[in-house]
């Protein structure tokens, strides 16, 4: 009986520890990004990571003076992106894109993604949605 209770207590502790780690690791939009710092980048895809809890797009964006900045754009999770028509192969390296979003509060070259426009004029929502998402994000 004591063994059973200890086992149950240990199992509960493990579940709670895992939940706490997840809660700490996942932040809302306003914890990291600033809606008053909009970005609009023209660039070339370096890498697209189709991973949870957020996809990640790495873009080399050319500035007006000709220098290139490497930006990390945080996107929605694969599941909602899939419902919008995205796949893991939607942004192959070398693809030219225009990315809108909101820059990180700390001023680093990181942003929460909004819309991605392609050279043919089509655009798709790349951002997260729901509670804690960037202002103006559409719901899935």
C-alpha atoms as a PDB file:
ATOM      1  CA  UNK A   1       0.000   0.000   0.000  1.00  0.00           C
ATOM      2  CA  UNK A   2       2.797   2.422   0.926  1.00  0.00           C
ATOM      3  CA  UNK A   3       4.672   1.437  -2.238  1.00  0.00           C
ATOM      4  CA  UNK A   4       1.599   2.131  -4.329  1.00  0.00           C
ATOM      5  CA  UNK A   5       1.142   5.590  -2.776  1.00  0.00           C
ATOM      6  CA  UNK A   6       4.818   6.434  -3.254  1.00  0.00           C
ATOM      7  CA  UNK A   7       4.586   5.332  -6.867  1.00  0.00           C
ATOM      8  CA  UNK A   8       1.526   7.475  -7.460  1.00  0.00           C
ATOM      9  CA  UNK A   9       3.168  10.467  -5.772  1.00  0.00           C
ATOM     10  CA  UNK A  10       6.307  10.060  -7.878  1.00  0.00           C
ATOM     11  CA  UNK A  11       4.224   9.806 -11.052  1.00  0.00           C
ATOM     12  CA  UNK A  12       2.280  12.942 -10.168  1.00  0.00           C
ATOM     13  CA  UNK A  13       5.506  14.818  -9.441  1.00  0.00           C
ATOM     14  CA  UNK A  14       6.922  13.850 -12.827  1.00  0.00           C
ATOM     15  CA  UNK A  15       3.765  15.004 -14.635  1.00  0.00           C
ATOM     16  CA  UNK A  16       3.718  18.311 -12.767  1.00  0.00           C
ATOM     17  CA  UNK A  17       7.408  18.937 -13.437  1.00  0.00           C
ATOM     18  CA  UNK A  18       6.884  18.300 -17.151  1.00  0.00           C
ATOM     19  CA  UNK A  19       3.910  20.663 -17.266  1.00  0.00           C
ATOM     20  CA  UNK A  20       5.835  23.405 -15.473  1.00  0.00           C
ATOM     21  CA  UNK A  21       8.767  23.086 -17.876  1.00  0.00           C
ATOM     22  CA  UNK A  22       6.428  23.378 -20.862  1.00  0.00           C
ATOM     23  CA  UNK A  23       4.694  26.419 -19.404  1.00  0.00           C
ATOM     24  CA  UNK A  24       7.995  28.173 -18.791  1.00  0.00           C
ATOM     25  CA  UNK A  25       9.380  27.300 -22.232  1.00  0.00           C
ATOM     26  CA  UNK A  26       6.369  28.566 -24.190  1.00  0.00           C
ATOM     27  CA  UNK A  27       5.800  32.325 -24.084  1.00  0.00           C
ATOM     28  CA  UNK A  28       3.047  34.534 -25.369  1.00  0.00           C
ATOM     29  CA  UNK A  29       3.626  37.027 -28.171  1.00  0.00           C
ATOM     30  CA  UNK A  30       3.821  39.989 -25.779  1.00  0.00           C
ATOM     31  CA  UNK A  31       6.521  38.339 -23.667  1.00  0.00           C
ATOM     32  CA  UNK A  32       9.050  38.431 -26.523  1.00  0.00           C
ATOM     33  CA  UNK A  33       7.776  40.641 -29.345  1.00  0.00           C
ATOM     34  CA  UNK A  34       6.603  44.232 -29.718  1.00  0.00           C
ATOM     35  CA  UNK A  35       3.586  44.994 -31.938  1.00  0.00           C
ATOM     36  CA  UNK A  36       4.794  48.615 -32.157  1.00  0.00           C
ATOM     37  CA  UNK A  37       7.957  47.416 -33.965  1.00  0.00           C
ATOM     38  CA  UNK A  38       6.598  46.146 -37.305  1.00  0.00           C
ATOM     39  CA  UNK A  39       9.040  44.592 -39.759  1.00  0.00           C
ATOM     40  CA  UNK A  40       8.742  44.153 -43.509  1.00  0.00           C
ATOM     41  CA  UNK A  41      11.686  42.192 -44.891  1.00  0.00           C
ATOM     42  CA  UNK A  42      12.534  41.357 -48.490  1.00  0.00           C
ATOM     43  CA  UNK A  43      14.895  38.433 -48.531  1.00  0.00           C
ATOM     44  CA  UNK A  44      15.905  34.922 -49.426  1.00  0.00           C
ATOM     45  CA  UNK A  45      15.045  31.811 -47.424  1.00  0.00           C
ATOM     46  CA  UNK A  46      18.116  30.238 -45.834  1.00  0.00           C
ATOM     47  CA  UNK A  47      16.288  27.550 -43.846  1.00  0.00           C
ATOM     48  CA  UNK A  48      12.773  26.568 -42.848  1.00  0.00           C
ATOM     49  CA  UNK A  49      12.339  24.384 -39.761  1.00  0.00           C
ATOM     50  CA  UNK A  50       8.984  22.583 -39.500  1.00  0.00           C
ATOM     51  CA  UNK A  51       9.128  21.967 -35.730  1.00  0.00           C
ATOM     52  CA  UNK A  52       6.982  22.307 -32.604  1.00  0.00           C
ATOM     53  CA  UNK A  53       6.048  24.405 -30.743  1.00  0.00           C
ATOM     54  CA  UNK A  54       6.759  27.008 -33.476  1.00  0.00           C
ATOM     55  CA  UNK A  55       8.141  26.746 -36.969  1.00  0.00           C
ATOM     56  CA  UNK A  56      11.235  28.809 -37.674  1.00  0.00           C
ATOM     57  CA  UNK A  57      12.159  30.651 -40.840  1.00  0.00           C
ATOM     58  CA  UNK A  58      15.679  31.985 -41.344  1.00  0.00           C
ATOM     59  CA  UNK A  59      15.919  34.718 -43.977  1.00  0.00           C
ATOM     60  CA  UNK A  60      18.799  36.766 -45.361  1.00  0.00           C
ATOM     61  CA  UNK A  61      17.290  40.232 -45.846  1.00  0.00           C
ATOM     62  CA  UNK A  62      19.068  42.917 -47.819  1.00  0.00           C
ATOM     63  CA  UNK A  63      19.069  46.416 -46.332  1.00  0.00           C
ATOM     64  CA  UNK A  64      18.865  49.611 -48.388  1.00  0.00           C
ATOM     65  CA  UNK A  65      22.654  50.059 -48.125  1.00  0.00           C
ATOM     66  CA  UNK A  66      23.239  46.608 -49.667  1.00  0.00           C
ATOM     67  CA  UNK A  67      24.315  44.827 -46.487  1.00  0.00           C
ATOM     68  CA  UNK A  68      22.578  41.591 -45.540  1.00  0.00           C
ATOM     69  CA  UNK A  69      21.046  40.762 -42.169  1.00  0.00           C
ATOM     70  CA  UNK A  70      20.115  37.235 -41.101  1.00  0.00           C
ATOM     71  CA  UNK A  71      16.689  37.223 -39.436  1.00  0.00           C
ATOM     72  CA  UNK A  72      14.958  34.469 -37.462  1.00  0.00           C
ATOM     73  CA  UNK A  73      11.191  34.554 -37.924  1.00  0.00           C
ATOM     74  CA  UNK A  74       9.054  32.569 -35.489  1.00  0.00           C
ATOM     75  CA  UNK A  75       5.955  31.135 -37.140  1.00  0.00           C
ATOM     76  CA  UNK A  76       2.961  29.072 -36.204  1.00  0.00           C
ATOM     77  CA  UNK A  77       3.131  25.435 -35.169  1.00  0.00           C
ATOM     78  CA  UNK A  78       3.064  22.865 -37.986  1.00  0.00           C
ATOM     79  CA  UNK A  79      -0.518  21.745 -37.284  1.00  0.00           C
ATOM     80  CA  UNK A  80      -2.238  25.135 -37.830  1.00  0.00           C
ATOM     81  CA  UNK A  81       0.140  25.938 -40.702  1.00  0.00           C
ATOM     82  CA  UNK A  82      -0.857  22.653 -42.357  1.00  0.00           C
ATOM     83  CA  UNK A  83      -4.535  23.660 -42.085  1.00  0.00           C
ATOM     84  CA  UNK A  84      -3.670  26.910 -43.905  1.00  0.00           C
ATOM     85  CA  UNK A  85      -2.003  25.033 -46.763  1.00  0.00           C
ATOM     86  CA  UNK A  86       1.630  25.037 -45.661  1.00  0.00           C
ATOM     87  CA  UNK A  87       3.875  21.961 -45.855  1.00  0.00           C
ATOM     88  CA  UNK A  88       7.407  21.320 -44.640  1.00  0.00           C
ATOM     89  CA  UNK A  89       8.525  21.979 -48.227  1.00  0.00           C
ATOM     90  CA  UNK A  90       6.716  25.314 -48.727  1.00  0.00           C
ATOM     91  CA  UNK A  91       9.819  27.445 -48.206  1.00  0.00           C
ATOM     92  CA  UNK A  92      12.845  25.785 -49.813  1.00  0.00           C
ATOM     93  CA  UNK A  93      16.226  27.522 -49.495  1.00  0.00           C
ATOM     94  CA  UNK A  94      16.687  30.213 -52.131  1.00  0.00           C
ATOM     95  CA  UNK A  95      12.992  31.214 -52.249  1.00  0.00           C
ATOM     96  CA  UNK A  96      12.509  34.983 -52.414  1.00  0.00           C
ATOM     97  CA  UNK A  97       9.935  36.203 -49.896  1.00  0.00           C
ATOM     98  CA  UNK A  98       8.631  39.325 -48.232  1.00  0.00           C
ATOM     99  CA  UNK A  99       7.948  38.767 -44.551  1.00  0.00           C
ATOM    100  CA  UNK A 100       5.864  40.991 -42.307  1.00  0.00           C
ATOM    101  CA  UNK A 101       5.698  40.660 -38.556  1.00  0.00           C
ATOM    102  CA  UNK A 102       6.791  42.210 -35.261  1.00  0.00           C
ATOM    103  CA  UNK A 103      10.377  42.527 -34.061  1.00  0.00           C
ATOM    104  CA  UNK A 104      11.688  41.172 -30.775  1.00  0.00           C
ATOM    105  CA  UNK A 105      11.476  43.529 -27.802  1.00  0.00           C
ATOM    106  CA  UNK A 106      15.238  43.344 -27.298  1.00  0.00           C
ATOM    107  CA  UNK A 107      15.881  44.723 -30.817  1.00  0.00           C
ATOM    108  CA  UNK A 108      17.600  41.541 -32.021  1.00  0.00           C
ATOM    109  CA  UNK A 109      17.114  40.250 -35.563  1.00  0.00           C
ATOM    110  CA  UNK A 110      14.205  38.051 -34.469  1.00  0.00           C
ATOM    111  CA  UNK A 111      10.531  38.506 -35.219  1.00  0.00           C
ATOM    112  CA  UNK A 112       7.133  36.936 -34.819  1.00  0.00           C
ATOM    113  CA  UNK A 113       5.918  36.213 -38.341  1.00  0.00           C
ATOM    114  CA  UNK A 114       2.709  37.530 -39.806  1.00  0.00           C
ATOM    115  CA  UNK A 115       2.260  37.294 -43.566  1.00  0.00           C
ATOM    116  CA  UNK A 116       4.665  35.915 -46.143  1.00  0.00           C
ATOM    117  CA  UNK A 117       4.337  37.136 -49.737  1.00  0.00           C
ATOM    118  CA  UNK A 118       5.795  35.192 -52.651  1.00  0.00           C
ATOM    119  CA  UNK A 119       7.152  36.622 -55.940  1.00  0.00           C
ATOM    120  CA  UNK A 120       3.958  35.604 -57.785  1.00  0.00           C
ATOM    121  CA  UNK A 121       1.965  37.907 -55.490  1.00  0.00           C
ATOM    122  CA  UNK A 122       0.320  35.211 -53.360  1.00  0.00           C
ATOM    123  CA  UNK A 123       0.547  35.501 -49.601  1.00  0.00           C
ATOM    124  CA  UNK A 124      -0.073  33.231 -46.635  1.00  0.00           C
ATOM    125  CA  UNK A 125      -0.414  33.733 -42.888  1.00  0.00           C
ATOM    126  CA  UNK A 126       2.710  32.373 -41.192  1.00  0.00           C
ATOM    127  CA  UNK A 127       1.965  33.477 -37.628  1.00  0.00           C
ATOM    128  CA  UNK A 128       0.644  31.815 -34.525  1.00  0.00           C
ATOM    129  CA  UNK A 129      -3.013  32.197 -33.628  1.00  0.00           C
ATOM    130  CA  UNK A 130      -5.126  32.036 -30.509  1.00  0.00           C
ATOM    131  CA  UNK A 131      -4.382  33.180 -26.986  1.00  0.00           C
ATOM    132  CA  UNK A 132      -0.996  34.864 -26.747  1.00  0.00           C
ATOM    133  CA  UNK A 133      -0.606  35.322 -30.527  1.00  0.00           C
ATOM    134  CA  UNK A 134       0.399  38.493 -32.294  1.00  0.00           C
ATOM    135  CA  UNK A 135      -2.323  41.136 -32.603  1.00  0.00           C
ATOM    136  CA  UNK A 136      -4.373  40.733 -35.768  1.00  0.00           C
ATOM    137  CA  UNK A 137      -3.606  37.024 -36.261  1.00  0.00           C
ATOM    138  CA  UNK A 138      -6.471  35.115 -37.780  1.00  0.00           C
ATOM    139  CA  UNK A 139      -7.985  32.190 -35.916  1.00  0.00           C
ATOM    140  CA  UNK A 140      -7.756  28.640 -37.226  1.00  0.00           C
END
